[in-house]
Amino acid sequence: MRADAVRGHLDGLLLAVLEPGPLHGYAIIAAVQRRSGGVLELRTGTIYPALNRLERLGLLSSSWQSAGERRRRCYELTDAGRRTLASERTAWSEFTAAIGSVLNPATPPGLAT
């Protein structure tokens, strides 16, 4: 899928995959890829700046966790992040409904009364 297709929706994608619980960066990338059926492949150079920005905005919090001898930064939603995710979902539903009504009208053109 084209990278520009994700632009504008990255925040919502990241918040959504963090909804069940904390994840580190590579697990976030894997979750997006898995949940999209392999269609969306995010790069580390894309998600880490976004994660840092979302944390600065107060939508995520992070902490260092050890995994064996490695330390990884794990991210999780804050209450503000959960509210923002709910707003993103509402906006996405409205957007897809509007686009769907244009691309797949219920009444074929010329038959409307």
PDB file of N, CA and C in Angstrom:
ATOM      1  N   MET A   1       0.851  -1.175   0.000  1.00  0.00           N
ATOM      2  CA  MET A   1       0.000   0.000   0.000  1.00  0.00           C
ATOM      3  C   MET A   1       0.891   1.232   0.000  1.00  0.00           C
ATOM      4  N   ARG A   2       0.489   2.247  -0.710  1.00  0.00           N
ATOM      5  CA  ARG A   2       1.275   3.474  -0.793  1.00  0.00           C
ATOM      6  C   ARG A   2       1.403   4.121   0.584  1.00  0.00           C
ATOM      7  N   ALA A   3       2.595   4.648   0.845  1.00  0.00           N
ATOM      8  CA  ALA A   3       2.859   5.297   2.137  1.00  0.00           C
ATOM      9  C   ALA A   3       1.929   6.477   2.363  1.00  0.00           C
ATOM     10  N   ASP A   4       1.591   7.207   1.299  1.00  0.00           N
ATOM     11  CA  ASP A   4       0.716   8.366   1.473  1.00  0.00           C
ATOM     12  C   ASP A   4      -0.705   7.982   1.848  1.00  0.00           C
ATOM     13  N   ALA A   5      -1.085   6.720   1.646  1.00  0.00           N
ATOM     14  CA  ALA A   5      -2.421   6.266   2.057  1.00  0.00           C
ATOM     15  C   ALA A   5      -2.545   6.219   3.573  1.00  0.00           C
ATOM     16  N   VAL A   6      -1.433   6.035   4.263  1.00  0.00           N
ATOM     17  CA  VAL A   6      -1.440   5.963   5.731  1.00  0.00           C
ATOM     18  C   VAL A   6      -1.321   7.352   6.340  1.00  0.00           C
ATOM     19  N   ARG A   7      -0.726   8.272   5.596  1.00  0.00           N
ATOM     20  CA  ARG A   7      -0.516   9.622   6.105  1.00  0.00           C
ATOM     21  C   ARG A   7      -1.832  10.208   6.587  1.00  0.00           C
ATOM     22  N   GLY A   8      -1.806  10.794   7.752  1.00  0.00           N
ATOM     23  CA  GLY A   8      -3.016  11.365   8.319  1.00  0.00           C
ATOM     24  C   GLY A   8      -3.761  10.381   9.208  1.00  0.00           C
ATOM     25  N   HIS A   9      -3.411   9.108   9.127  1.00  0.00           N
ATOM     26  CA  HIS A   9      -4.081   8.094   9.933  1.00  0.00           C
ATOM     27  C   HIS A   9      -3.113   7.371  10.863  1.00  0.00           C
ATOM     28  N   LEU A  10      -1.838   7.750  10.814  1.00  0.00           N
ATOM     29  CA  LEU A  10      -0.817   7.061  11.600  1.00  0.00           C
ATOM     30  C   LEU A  10      -1.102   7.135  13.089  1.00  0.00           C
ATOM     31  N   ASP A  11      -1.487   8.292  13.587  1.00  0.00           N
ATOM     32  CA  ASP A  11      -1.761   8.422  15.017  1.00  0.00           C
ATOM     33  C   ASP A  11      -2.843   7.440  15.454  1.00  0.00           C
ATOM     34  N   GLY A  12      -3.921   7.388  14.704  1.00  0.00           N
ATOM     35  CA  GLY A  12      -5.007   6.467  15.038  1.00  0.00           C
ATOM     36  C   GLY A  12      -4.565   5.024  15.005  1.00  0.00           C
ATOM     37  N   LEU A  13      -3.743   4.663  14.018  1.00  0.00           N
ATOM     38  CA  LEU A  13      -3.237   3.288  13.935  1.00  0.00           C
ATOM     39  C   LEU A  13      -2.392   2.938  15.159  1.00  0.00           C
ATOM     40  N   LEU A  14      -1.499   3.838  15.529  1.00  0.00           N
ATOM     41  CA  LEU A  14      -0.629   3.585  16.676  1.00  0.00           C
ATOM     42  C   LEU A  14      -1.431   3.499  17.967  1.00  0.00           C
ATOM     43  N   LEU A  15      -2.361   4.418  18.146  1.00  0.00           N
ATOM     44  CA  LEU A  15      -3.190   4.385  19.361  1.00  0.00           C
ATOM     45  C   LEU A  15      -4.001   3.096  19.420  1.00  0.00           C
ATOM     46  N   ALA A  16      -4.523   2.662  18.287  1.00  0.00           N
ATOM     47  CA  ALA A  16      -5.362   1.459  18.262  1.00  0.00           C
ATOM     48  C   ALA A  16      -4.581   0.204  18.633  1.00  0.00           C
ATOM     49  N   VAL A  17      -3.366   0.060  18.120  1.00  0.00           N
ATOM     50  CA  VAL A  17      -2.617  -1.157  18.445  1.00  0.00           C
ATOM     51  C   VAL A  17      -2.103  -1.141  19.873  1.00  0.00           C
ATOM     52  N   LEU A  18      -2.056   0.043  20.497  1.00  0.00           N
ATOM     53  CA  LEU A  18      -1.643   0.124  21.902  1.00  0.00           C
ATOM     54  C   LEU A  18      -2.816   0.008  22.870  1.00  0.00           C
ATOM     55  N   GLU A  19      -4.018  -0.023  22.347  1.00  0.00           N
ATOM     56  CA  GLU A  19      -5.199  -0.091  23.220  1.00  0.00           C
ATOM     57  C   GLU A  19      -5.192  -1.312  24.151  1.00  0.00           C
ATOM     58  N   PRO A  20      -4.837  -2.510  23.661  1.00  0.00           N
ATOM     59  CA  PRO A  20      -4.858  -3.670  24.564  1.00  0.00           C
ATOM     60  C   PRO A  20      -3.796  -3.636  25.665  1.00  0.00           C
ATOM     61  N   GLY A  21      -2.702  -2.913  25.447  1.00  0.00           N
ATOM     62  CA  GLY A  21      -1.664  -2.848  26.462  1.00  0.00           C
ATOM     63  C   GLY A  21      -0.347  -2.376  25.891  1.00  0.00           C
ATOM     64  N   PRO A  22       0.654  -2.209  26.752  1.00  0.00           N
ATOM     65  CA  PRO A  22       1.942  -1.658  26.325  1.00  0.00           C
ATOM     66  C   PRO A  22       2.673  -2.553  25.327  1.00  0.00           C
ATOM     67  N   LEU A  23       3.373  -1.909  24.396  1.00  0.00           N
ATOM     68  CA  LEU A  23       4.199  -2.601  23.406  1.00  0.00           C
ATOM     69  C   LEU A  23       5.447  -1.779  23.147  1.00  0.00           C
ATOM     70  N   HIS A  24       6.507  -2.447  22.725  1.00  0.00           N
ATOM     71  CA  HIS A  24       7.708  -1.740  22.281  1.00  0.00           C
ATOM     72  C   HIS A  24       7.600  -1.506  20.778  1.00  0.00           C
ATOM     73  N   GLY A  25       8.498  -0.704  20.239  1.00  0.00           N
ATOM     74  CA  GLY A  25       8.418  -0.251  18.851  1.00  0.00           C
ATOM     75  C   GLY A  25       8.246  -1.342  17.818  1.00  0.00           C
ATOM     76  N   TYR A  26       9.109  -2.364  17.864  1.00  0.00           N
ATOM     77  CA  TYR A  26       9.005  -3.412  16.842  1.00  0.00           C
ATOM     78  C   TYR A  26       7.714  -4.211  16.994  1.00  0.00           C
ATOM     79  N   ALA A  27       7.231  -4.365  18.224  1.00  0.00           N
ATOM     80  CA  ALA A  27       5.954  -5.057  18.430  1.00  0.00           C
ATOM     81  C   ALA A  27       4.795  -4.227  17.878  1.00  0.00           C
ATOM     82  N   ILE A  28       4.922  -2.906  17.941  1.00  0.00           N
ATOM     83  CA  ILE A  28       3.895  -2.027  17.374  1.00  0.00           C
ATOM     84  C   ILE A  28       3.860  -2.199  15.855  1.00  0.00           C
ATOM     85  N   ILE A  29       5.041  -2.206  15.235  1.00  0.00           N
ATOM     86  CA  ILE A  29       5.128  -2.408  13.787  1.00  0.00           C
ATOM     87  C   ILE A  29       4.503  -3.749  13.402  1.00  0.00           C
ATOM     88  N   ALA A  30       4.848  -4.794  14.160  1.00  0.00           N
ATOM     89  CA  ALA A  30       4.321  -6.134  13.873  1.00  0.00           C
ATOM     90  C   ALA A  30       2.806  -6.179  14.061  1.00  0.00           C
ATOM     91  N   ALA A  31       2.294  -5.484  15.088  1.00  0.00           N
ATOM     92  CA  ALA A  31       0.849  -5.487  15.344  1.00  0.00           C
ATOM     93  C   ALA A  31       0.087  -4.807  14.210  1.00  0.00           C
ATOM     94  N   VAL A  32       0.611  -3.688  13.718  1.00  0.00           N
ATOM     95  CA  VAL A  32      -0.046  -3.010  12.595  1.00  0.00           C
ATOM     96  C   VAL A  32      -0.040  -3.914  11.372  1.00  0.00           C
ATOM     97  N   GLN A  33       1.093  -4.537  11.115  1.00  0.00           N
ATOM     98  CA  GLN A  33       1.192  -5.420   9.948  1.00  0.00           C
ATOM     99  C   GLN A  33       0.247  -6.615  10.095  1.00  0.00           C
ATOM    100  N   ARG A  34       0.218  -7.217  11.258  1.00  0.00           N
ATOM    101  CA  ARG A  34      -0.647  -8.383  11.492  1.00  0.00           C
ATOM    102  C   ARG A  34      -2.124  -7.998  11.387  1.00  0.00           C
ATOM    103  N   ARG A  35      -2.503  -6.889  12.029  1.00  0.00           N
ATOM    104  CA  ARG A  35      -3.910  -6.494  12.041  1.00  0.00           C
ATOM    105  C   ARG A  35      -4.390  -6.034  10.664  1.00  0.00           C
ATOM    106  N   SER A  36      -3.456  -5.607   9.812  1.00  0.00           N
ATOM    107  CA  SER A  36      -3.832  -5.173   8.463  1.00  0.00           C
ATOM    108  C   SER A  36      -3.709  -6.298   7.448  1.00  0.00           C
ATOM    109  N   GLY A  37      -3.449  -7.500   7.910  1.00  0.00           N
ATOM    110  CA  GLY A  37      -3.292  -8.622   7.005  1.00  0.00           C
ATOM    111  C   GLY A  37      -2.055  -8.497   6.128  1.00  0.00           C
ATOM    112  N   GLY A  38      -1.041  -7.792   6.637  1.00  0.00           N
ATOM    113  CA  GLY A  38       0.203  -7.627   5.908  1.00  0.00           C
ATOM    114  C   GLY A  38       0.207  -6.484   4.913  1.00  0.00           C
ATOM    115  N   VAL A  39      -0.888  -5.755   4.818  1.00  0.00           N
ATOM    116  CA  VAL A  39      -0.986  -4.671   3.841  1.00  0.00           C
ATOM    117  C   VAL A  39      -0.185  -3.439   4.285  1.00  0.00           C
ATOM    118  N   LEU A  40      -0.220  -3.139   5.583  1.00  0.00           N
ATOM    119  CA  LEU A  40       0.480  -1.967   6.095  1.00  0.00           C
ATOM    120  C   LEU A  40       1.811  -2.373   6.700  1.00  0.00           C
ATOM    121  N   GLU A  41       2.875  -1.813   6.174  1.00  0.00           N
ATOM    122  CA  GLU A  41       4.212  -2.068   6.689  1.00  0.00           C
ATOM    123  C   GLU A  41       4.836  -0.735   7.070  1.00  0.00           C
ATOM    124  N   LEU A  42       4.872  -0.467   8.362  1.00  0.00           N
ATOM    125  CA  LEU A  42       5.439   0.783   8.840  1.00  0.00           C
ATOM    126  C   LEU A  42       6.935   0.616   9.075  1.00  0.00           C
ATOM    127  N   ARG A  43       7.654   1.691   8.915  1.00  0.00           N
ATOM    128  CA  ARG A  43       9.098   1.680   9.121  1.00  0.00           C
ATOM    129  C   ARG A  43       9.428   2.328  10.456  1.00  0.00           C
ATOM    130  N   THR A  44      10.561   1.917  11.020  1.00  0.00           N
ATOM    131  CA  THR A  44      10.976   2.489  12.303  1.00  0.00           C
ATOM    132  C   THR A  44      11.153   3.997  12.199  1.00  0.00           C
ATOM    133  N   GLY A  45      11.635   4.468  11.053  1.00  0.00           N
ATOM    134  CA  GLY A  45      11.817   5.904  10.857  1.00  0.00           C
ATOM    135  C   GLY A  45      10.513   6.667  10.804  1.00  0.00           C
ATOM    136  N   THR A  46       9.424   5.957  10.655  1.00  0.00           N
ATOM    137  CA  THR A  46       8.100   6.572  10.650  1.00  0.00           C
ATOM    138  C   THR A  46       7.479   6.543  12.034  1.00  0.00           C
ATOM    139  N   ILE A  47       7.567   5.393  12.705  1.00  0.00           N
ATOM    140  CA  ILE A  47       6.808   5.281  13.959  1.00  0.00           C
ATOM    141  C   ILE A  47       7.486   5.927  15.163  1.00  0.00           C
ATOM    142  N   TYR A  48       8.819   5.862  15.253  1.00  0.00           N
ATOM    143  CA  TYR A  48       9.449   6.417  16.452  1.00  0.00           C
ATOM    144  C   TYR A  48       9.241   7.922  16.594  1.00  0.00           C
ATOM    145  N   PRO A  49       9.377   8.714  15.539  1.00  0.00           N
ATOM    146  CA  PRO A  49       9.044  10.136  15.696  1.00  0.00           C
ATOM    147  C   PRO A  49       7.573  10.346  16.072  1.00  0.00           C
ATOM    148  N   ALA A  50       6.683   9.521  15.506  1.00  0.00           N
ATOM    149  CA  ALA A  50       5.256   9.636  15.834  1.00  0.00           C
ATOM    150  C   ALA A  50       5.006   9.256  17.291  1.00  0.00           C
ATOM    151  N   LEU A  51       5.635   8.192  17.765  1.00  0.00           N
ATOM    152  CA  LEU A  51       5.477   7.789  19.169  1.00  0.00           C
ATOM    153  C   LEU A  51       5.984   8.883  20.104  1.00  0.00           C
ATOM    154  N   ASN A  52       7.126   9.464  19.778  1.00  0.00           N
ATOM    155  CA  ASN A  52       7.667  10.552  20.609  1.00  0.00           C
ATOM    156  C   ASN A  52       6.735  11.754  20.626  1.00  0.00           C
ATOM    157  N   ARG A  53       6.164  12.084  19.457  1.00  0.00           N
ATOM    158  CA  ARG A  53       5.227  13.206  19.378  1.00  0.00           C
ATOM    159  C   ARG A  53       3.971  12.923  20.195  1.00  0.00           C
ATOM    160  N   LEU A  54       3.432  11.704  20.073  1.00  0.00           N
ATOM    161  CA  LEU A  54       2.226  11.342  20.825  1.00  0.00           C
ATOM    162  C   LEU A  54       2.496  11.368  22.330  1.00  0.00           C
ATOM    163  N   GLU A  55       3.705  11.013  22.716  1.00  0.00           N
ATOM    164  CA  GLU A  55       4.059  11.075  24.135  1.00  0.00           C
ATOM    165  C   GLU A  55       4.147  12.533  24.598  1.00  0.00           C
ATOM    166  N   ARG A  56       4.758  13.402  23.784  1.00  0.00           N
ATOM    167  CA  ARG A  56       4.831  14.822  24.143  1.00  0.00           C
ATOM    168  C   ARG A  56       3.440  15.439  24.275  1.00  0.00           C
ATOM    169  N   LEU A  57       2.494  14.948  23.465  1.00  0.00           N
ATOM    170  CA  LEU A  57       1.114  15.442  23.524  1.00  0.00           C
ATOM    171  C   LEU A  57       0.326  14.876  24.703  1.00  0.00           C
ATOM    172  N   GLY A  58       0.921  13.927  25.421  1.00  0.00           N
ATOM    173  CA  GLY A  58       0.247  13.340  26.576  1.00  0.00           C
ATOM    174  C   GLY A  58      -0.697  12.208  26.225  1.00  0.00           C
ATOM    175  N   LEU A  59      -0.624  11.701  24.986  1.00  0.00           N
ATOM    176  CA  LEU A  59      -1.513  10.615  24.571  1.00  0.00           C
ATOM    177  C   LEU A  59      -0.921   9.246  24.872  1.00  0.00           C
ATOM    178  N   LEU A  60       0.394   9.200  25.059  1.00  0.00           N
ATOM    179  CA  LEU A  60       1.107   7.977  25.413  1.00  0.00           C
ATOM    180  C   LEU A  60       2.031   8.262  26.581  1.00  0.00           C
ATOM    181  N   SER A  61       2.333   7.206  27.312  1.00  0.00           N
ATOM    182  CA  SER A  61       3.417   7.261  28.290  1.00  0.00           C
ATOM    183  C   SER A  61       4.366   6.135  27.926  1.00  0.00           C
ATOM    184  N   SER A  62       5.596   6.240  28.383  1.00  0.00           N
ATOM    185  CA  SER A  62       6.560   5.192  28.057  1.00  0.00           C
ATOM    186  C   SER A  62       7.426   4.892  29.269  1.00  0.00           C
ATOM    187  N   SER A  63       7.977   3.711  29.242  1.00  0.00           N
ATOM    188  CA  SER A  63       8.906   3.296  30.297  1.00  0.00           C
ATOM    189  C   SER A  63       9.876   2.292  29.702  1.00  0.00           C
ATOM    190  N   TRP A  64      11.046   2.209  30.326  1.00  0.00           N
ATOM    191  CA  TRP A  64      12.037   1.227  29.890  1.00  0.00           C
ATOM    192  C   TRP A  64      11.756  -0.093  30.570  1.00  0.00           C
ATOM    193  N   GLN A  65      11.775  -1.159  29.793  1.00  0.00           N
ATOM    194  CA  GLN A  65      11.573  -2.504  30.339  1.00  0.00           C
ATOM    195  C   GLN A  65      12.696  -3.399  29.839  1.00  0.00           C
ATOM    196  N   SER A  66      13.071  -4.341  30.680  1.00  0.00           N
ATOM    197  CA  SER A  66      14.126  -5.278  30.304  1.00  0.00           C
ATOM    198  C   SER A  66      13.524  -6.539  29.719  1.00  0.00           C
ATOM    199  N   ALA A  67      14.169  -7.014  28.657  1.00  0.00           N
ATOM    200  CA  ALA A  67      13.805  -8.288  28.025  1.00  0.00           C
ATOM    201  C   ALA A  67      15.115  -9.056  27.882  1.00  0.00           C
ATOM    202  N   GLY A  68      15.380  -9.894  28.855  1.00  0.00           N
ATOM    203  CA  GLY A  68      16.684 -10.547  28.875  1.00  0.00           C
ATOM    204  C   GLY A  68      17.735  -9.510  29.197  1.00  0.00           C
ATOM    205  N   GLU A  69      18.733  -9.406  28.336  1.00  0.00           N
ATOM    206  CA  GLU A  69      19.781  -8.407  28.542  1.00  0.00           C
ATOM    207  C   GLU A  69      19.496  -7.109  27.798  1.00  0.00           C
ATOM    208  N   ARG A  70      18.396  -7.067  27.073  1.00  0.00           N
ATOM    209  CA  ARG A  70      18.046  -5.874  26.304  1.00  0.00           C
ATOM    210  C   ARG A  70      17.058  -5.010  27.066  1.00  0.00           C
ATOM    211  N   ARG A  71      17.189  -3.711  26.879  1.00  0.00           N
ATOM    212  CA  ARG A  71      16.209  -2.772  27.427  1.00  0.00           C
ATOM    213  C   ARG A  71      15.455  -2.157  26.256  1.00  0.00           C
ATOM    214  N   ARG A  72      14.132  -2.137  26.400  1.00  0.00           N
ATOM    215  CA  ARG A  72      13.293  -1.579  25.335  1.00  0.00           C
ATOM    216  C   ARG A  72      12.321  -0.578  25.931  1.00  0.00           C
ATOM    217  N   ARG A  73      12.057   0.457  25.147  1.00  0.00           N
ATOM    218  CA  ARG A  73      11.067   1.437  25.572  1.00  0.00           C
ATOM    219  C   ARG A  73       9.703   0.915  25.162  1.00  0.00           C
ATOM    220  N   CYS A  74       8.812   0.824  26.140  1.00  0.00           N
ATOM    221  CA  CYS A  74       7.444   0.371  25.884  1.00  0.00           C
ATOM    222  C   CYS A  74       6.493   1.549  26.031  1.00  0.00           C
ATOM    223  N   TYR A  75       5.511   1.573  25.166  1.00  0.00           N
ATOM    224  CA  TYR A  75       4.549   2.670  25.118  1.00  0.00           C
ATOM    225  C   TYR A  75       3.172   2.153  25.492  1.00  0.00           C
ATOM    226  N   GLU A  76       2.405   3.017  26.169  1.00  0.00           N
ATOM    227  CA  GLU A  76       1.022   2.665  26.483  1.00  0.00           C
ATOM    228  C   GLU A  76       0.143   3.901  26.442  1.00  0.00           C
ATOM    229  N   LEU A  77      -1.143   3.660  26.231  1.00  0.00           N
ATOM    230  CA  LEU A  77      -2.108   4.761  26.150  1.00  0.00           C
ATOM    231  C   LEU A  77      -2.318   5.407  27.509  1.00  0.00           C
ATOM    232  N   THR A  78      -2.481   6.705  27.503  1.00  0.00           N
ATOM    233  CA  THR A  78      -2.940   7.427  28.678  1.00  0.00           C
ATOM    234  C   THR A  78      -4.462   7.568  28.553  1.00  0.00           C
ATOM    235  N   ASP A  79      -5.087   8.130  29.575  1.00  0.00           N
ATOM    236  CA  ASP A  79      -6.529   8.384  29.475  1.00  0.00           C
ATOM    237  C   ASP A  79      -6.831   9.330  28.312  1.00  0.00           C
ATOM    238  N   ALA A  80      -5.971  10.336  28.130  1.00  0.00           N
ATOM    239  CA  ALA A  80      -6.155  11.259  27.003  1.00  0.00           C
ATOM    240  C   ALA A  80      -5.990  10.514  25.679  1.00  0.00           C
ATOM    241  N   GLY A  81      -5.090   9.553  25.628  1.00  0.00           N
ATOM    242  CA  GLY A  81      -4.904   8.746  24.425  1.00  0.00           C
ATOM    243  C   GLY A  81      -6.129   7.914  24.112  1.00  0.00           C
ATOM    244  N   ARG A  82      -6.777   7.378  25.134  1.00  0.00           N
ATOM    245  CA  ARG A  82      -8.006   6.593  24.930  1.00  0.00           C
ATOM    246  C   ARG A  82      -9.131   7.481  24.392  1.00  0.00           C
ATOM    247  N   ARG A  83      -9.232   8.687  24.926  1.00  0.00           N
ATOM    248  CA  ARG A  83     -10.261   9.620  24.424  1.00  0.00           C
ATOM    249  C   ARG A  83      -9.968  10.013  22.979  1.00  0.00           C
ATOM    250  N   THR A  84      -8.701  10.245  22.679  1.00  0.00           N
ATOM    251  CA  THR A  84      -8.324  10.602  21.309  1.00  0.00           C
ATOM    252  C   THR A  84      -8.591   9.448  20.355  1.00  0.00           C
ATOM    253  N   LEU A  85      -8.317   8.227  20.792  1.00  0.00           N
ATOM    254  CA  LEU A  85      -8.603   7.053  19.966  1.00  0.00           C
ATOM    255  C   LEU A  85     -10.100   6.966  19.665  1.00  0.00           C
ATOM    256  N   ALA A  86     -10.938   7.211  20.653  1.00  0.00           N
ATOM    257  CA  ALA A  86     -12.392   7.193  20.429  1.00  0.00           C
ATOM    258  C   ALA A  86     -12.780   8.248  19.390  1.00  0.00           C
ATOM    259  N   SER A  87     -12.183   9.441  19.478  1.00  0.00           N
ATOM    260  CA  SER A  87     -12.457  10.499  18.492  1.00  0.00           C
ATOM    261  C   SER A  87     -11.966  10.107  17.106  1.00  0.00           C
ATOM    262  N   GLU A  88     -10.785   9.474  17.035  1.00  0.00           N
ATOM    263  CA  GLU A  88     -10.241   9.017  15.750  1.00  0.00           C
ATOM    264  C   GLU A  88     -11.169   7.993  15.111  1.00  0.00           C
ATOM    265  N   ARG A  89     -11.710   7.099  15.926  1.00  0.00           N
ATOM    266  CA  ARG A  89     -12.625   6.078  15.397  1.00  0.00           C
ATOM    267  C   ARG A  89     -13.899   6.710  14.852  1.00  0.00           C
ATOM    268  N   THR A  90     -14.432   7.680  15.564  1.00  0.00           N
ATOM    269  CA  THR A  90     -15.632   8.374  15.100  1.00  0.00           C
ATOM    270  C   THR A  90     -15.354   9.104  13.793  1.00  0.00           C
ATOM    271  N   ALA A  91     -14.236   9.828  13.743  1.00  0.00           N
ATOM    272  CA  ALA A  91     -13.877  10.560  12.529  1.00  0.00           C
ATOM    273  C   ALA A  91     -13.665   9.600  11.361  1.00  0.00           C
ATOM    274  N   TRP A  92     -13.032   8.446  11.619  1.00  0.00           N
ATOM    275  CA  TRP A  92     -12.794   7.464  10.557  1.00  0.00           C
ATOM    276  C   TRP A  92     -14.119   6.904  10.036  1.00  0.00           C
ATOM    277  N   SER A  93     -15.046   6.607  10.922  1.00  0.00           N
ATOM    278  CA  SER A  93     -16.354   6.092  10.507  1.00  0.00           C
ATOM    279  C   SER A  93     -17.097   7.103   9.640  1.00  0.00           C
ATOM    280  N   GLU A  94     -17.050   8.357  10.038  1.00  0.00           N
ATOM    281  CA  GLU A  94     -17.712   9.405   9.256  1.00  0.00           C
ATOM    282  C   GLU A  94     -17.042   9.570   7.895  1.00  0.00           C
ATOM    283  N   PHE A  95     -15.708   9.536   7.879  1.00  0.00           N
ATOM    284  CA  PHE A  95     -14.960   9.680   6.637  1.00  0.00           C
ATOM    285  C   PHE A  95     -15.250   8.532   5.679  1.00  0.00           C
ATOM    286  N   THR A  96     -15.177   7.296   6.167  1.00  0.00           N
ATOM    287  CA  THR A  96     -15.412   6.147   5.286  1.00  0.00           C
ATOM    288  C   THR A  96     -16.853   6.093   4.806  1.00  0.00           C
ATOM    289  N   ALA A  97     -17.794   6.523   5.640  1.00  0.00           N
ATOM    290  CA  ALA A  97     -19.193   6.558   5.205  1.00  0.00           C
ATOM    291  C   ALA A  97     -19.375   7.578   4.076  1.00  0.00           C
ATOM    292  N   ALA A  98     -18.736   8.739   4.217  1.00  0.00           N
ATOM    293  CA  ALA A  98     -18.861   9.769   3.187  1.00  0.00           C
ATOM    294  C   ALA A  98     -18.215   9.319   1.881  1.00  0.00           C
ATOM    295  N   ILE A  99     -17.033   8.766   1.950  1.00  0.00           N
ATOM    296  CA  ILE A  99     -16.350   8.283   0.744  1.00  0.00           C
ATOM    297  C   ILE A  99     -17.143   7.131   0.124  1.00  0.00           C
ATOM    298  N   GLY A 100     -17.643   6.228   0.973  1.00  0.00           N
ATOM    299  CA  GLY A 100     -18.433   5.107   0.481  1.00  0.00           C
ATOM    300  C   GLY A 100     -19.694   5.544  -0.233  1.00  0.00           C
ATOM    301  N   SER A 101     -20.321   6.603   0.271  1.00  0.00           N
ATOM    302  CA  SER A 101     -21.555   7.071  -0.369  1.00  0.00           C
ATOM    303  C   SER A 101     -21.281   7.710  -1.727  1.00  0.00           C
ATOM    304  N   VAL A 102     -20.067   8.196  -1.926  1.00  0.00           N
ATOM    305  CA  VAL A 102     -19.699   8.754  -3.234  1.00  0.00           C
ATOM    306  C   VAL A 102     -19.277   7.640  -4.191  1.00  0.00           C
ATOM    307  N   LEU A 103     -18.436   6.733  -3.708  1.00  0.00           N
ATOM    308  CA  LEU A 103     -17.933   5.664  -4.571  1.00  0.00           C
ATOM    309  C   LEU A 103     -18.979   4.594  -4.869  1.00  0.00           C
ATOM    310  N   ASN A 104     -19.842   4.326  -3.918  1.00  0.00           N
ATOM    311  CA  ASN A 104     -20.863   3.286  -4.066  1.00  0.00           C
ATOM    312  C   ASN A 104     -22.228   3.841  -3.671  1.00  0.00           C
ATOM    313  N   PRO A 105     -22.785   4.720  -4.498  1.00  0.00           N
ATOM    314  CA  PRO A 105     -24.078   5.325  -4.126  1.00  0.00           C
ATOM    315  C   PRO A 105     -25.171   4.262  -4.037  1.00  0.00           C
ATOM    316  N   ALA A 106     -26.098   4.464  -3.102  1.00  0.00           N
ATOM    317  CA  ALA A 106     -27.201   3.535  -2.909  1.00  0.00           C
ATOM    318  C   ALA A 106     -28.152   3.551  -4.101  1.00  0.00           C
ATOM    319  N   THR A 107     -28.353   4.737  -4.664  1.00  0.00           N
ATOM    320  CA  THR A 107     -29.234   4.886  -5.808  1.00  0.00           C
ATOM    321  C   THR A 107     -28.372   5.249  -7.021  1.00  0.00           C
ATOM    322  N   PRO A 108     -28.434   4.457  -8.087  1.00  0.00           N
ATOM    323  CA  PRO A 108     -27.640   4.785  -9.270  1.00  0.00           C
ATOM    324  C   PRO A 108     -27.983   6.172  -9.817  1.00  0.00           C
ATOM    325  N   PRO A 109     -26.995   6.893 -10.347  1.00  0.00           N
ATOM    326  CA  PRO A 109     -27.253   8.234 -10.902  1.00  0.00           C
ATOM    327  C   PRO A 109     -28.352   8.180 -11.964  1.00  0.00           C
ATOM    328  N   GLY A 110     -29.165   9.215 -11.954  1.00  0.00           N
ATOM    329  CA  GLY A 110     -30.232   9.310 -12.943  1.00  0.00           C
ATOM    330  C   GLY A 110     -31.536   8.657 -12.513  1.00  0.00           C
ATOM    331  N   LEU A 111     -31.498   7.862 -11.418  1.00  0.00           N
ATOM    332  CA  LEU A 111     -32.716   7.191 -10.940  1.00  0.00           C
ATOM    333  C   LEU A 111     -33.269   7.849  -9.696  1.00  0.00           C
ATOM    334  N   ALA A 112     -32.570   8.860  -9.174  1.00  0.00           N
ATOM    335  CA  ALA A 112     -33.050   9.539  -7.952  1.00  0.00           C
ATOM    336  C   ALA A 112     -34.294  10.350  -8.280  1.00  0.00           C
ATOM    337  N   THR A 113     -35.187  10.438  -7.326  1.00  0.00           N
ATOM    338  CA  THR A 113     -36.421  11.202  -7.530  1.00  0.00           C
ATOM    339  C   THR A 113     -36.359  12.519  -6.855  1.00  0.00           C
TER     340      THR A 113
END
